[in-house]
Amino acid sequence: MVEQNAKKGLEFADIGYVLVSGEFAMAAPGRELLQNAEVGRLFLGG
């Protein structure tokens, strides 16, 4: 699934994948990515 609202998508995703410029950067359970400070800063607005 691709979701424009990353926060909403990660709330219920079993696994989330982070792509940077189309390249794989990391994968983790959705809730873990929501709590990752770097992911939050770069992709989730804070």
C-alpha atoms as a PDB file:
ATOM      1  CA  MET A   1       0.000   0.000   0.000  1.00  0.00           C
ATOM      2  CA  VAL A   2       1.136   3.535  -0.666  1.00  0.00           C
ATOM      3  CA  GLU A   3      -0.390   6.241   1.495  1.00  0.00           C
ATOM      4  CA  GLN A   4       0.011  10.010   1.122  1.00  0.00           C
ATOM      5  CA  ASN A   5      -0.517  10.529   4.867  1.00  0.00           C
ATOM      6  CA  ALA A   6       2.584   8.772   6.199  1.00  0.00           C
ATOM      7  CA  LYS A   7       1.592   9.073   9.853  1.00  0.00           C
ATOM      8  CA  LYS A   8      -1.791   7.427   9.270  1.00  0.00           C
ATOM      9  CA  GLY A   9      -0.272   4.697   7.117  1.00  0.00           C
ATOM     10  CA  LEU A  10       2.403   3.863   9.681  1.00  0.00           C
ATOM     11  CA  GLU A  11      -0.164   3.639  12.483  1.00  0.00           C
ATOM     12  CA  PHE A  12      -1.505   0.391  11.051  1.00  0.00           C
ATOM     13  CA  ALA A  13       1.364  -0.871   8.858  1.00  0.00           C
ATOM     14  CA  ASP A  14       3.001  -4.141   9.870  1.00  0.00           C
ATOM     15  CA  ILE A  15       6.191  -3.040   8.126  1.00  0.00           C
ATOM     16  CA  GLY A  16       7.060   0.401   6.769  1.00  0.00           C
ATOM     17  CA  TYR A  17       9.759   1.111   4.219  1.00  0.00           C
ATOM     18  CA  VAL A  18      11.564   4.420   3.957  1.00  0.00           C
ATOM     19  CA  LEU A  19      12.823   5.419   0.525  1.00  0.00           C
ATOM     20  CA  VAL A  20      15.170   8.344  -0.045  1.00  0.00           C
ATOM     21  CA  SER A  21      15.352   9.550  -3.638  1.00  0.00           C
ATOM     22  CA  GLY A  22      13.826   6.246  -4.708  1.00  0.00           C
ATOM     23  CA  GLU A  23      16.438   4.170  -2.867  1.00  0.00           C
ATOM     24  CA  PHE A  24      15.778   1.892   0.107  1.00  0.00           C
ATOM     25  CA  ALA A  25      16.899   3.531   3.373  1.00  0.00           C
ATOM     26  CA  MET A  26      15.294   1.443   6.152  1.00  0.00           C
ATOM     27  CA  ALA A  27      12.463  -0.868   7.113  1.00  0.00           C
ATOM     28  CA  ALA A  28      10.814  -1.416  10.491  1.00  0.00           C
ATOM     29  CA  PRO A  29       7.410  -1.961  12.058  1.00  0.00           C
ATOM     30  CA  GLY A  30       5.190   1.052  11.415  1.00  0.00           C
ATOM     31  CA  ARG A  31       4.910   2.096  15.047  1.00  0.00           C
ATOM     32  CA  GLU A  32       8.695   1.891  15.423  1.00  0.00           C
ATOM     33  CA  LEU A  33       9.166   4.229  12.457  1.00  0.00           C
ATOM     34  CA  LEU A  34       6.657   6.650  13.987  1.00  0.00           C
ATOM     35  CA  GLN A  35       8.825   6.838  17.106  1.00  0.00           C
ATOM     36  CA  ASN A  36      12.124   7.153  15.208  1.00  0.00           C
ATOM     37  CA  ALA A  37      13.358  10.736  15.688  1.00  0.00           C
ATOM     38  CA  GLU A  38      15.227  10.833  12.365  1.00  0.00           C
ATOM     39  CA  VAL A  39      12.219   9.582  10.392  1.00  0.00           C
ATOM     40  CA  GLY A  40      10.007  12.089  12.198  1.00  0.00           C
ATOM     41  CA  ARG A  41      12.340  14.988  11.502  1.00  0.00           C
ATOM     42  CA  LEU A  42      12.909  14.182   7.830  1.00  0.00           C
ATOM     43  CA  PHE A  43       9.552  12.829   6.694  1.00  0.00           C
ATOM     44  CA  LEU A  44       6.802  13.422   9.237  1.00  0.00           C
ATOM     45  CA  GLY A  45       7.156  17.128   9.948  1.00  0.00           C
ATOM     46  CA  GLY A  46       8.844  17.053  13.266  1.00  0.00           C
END
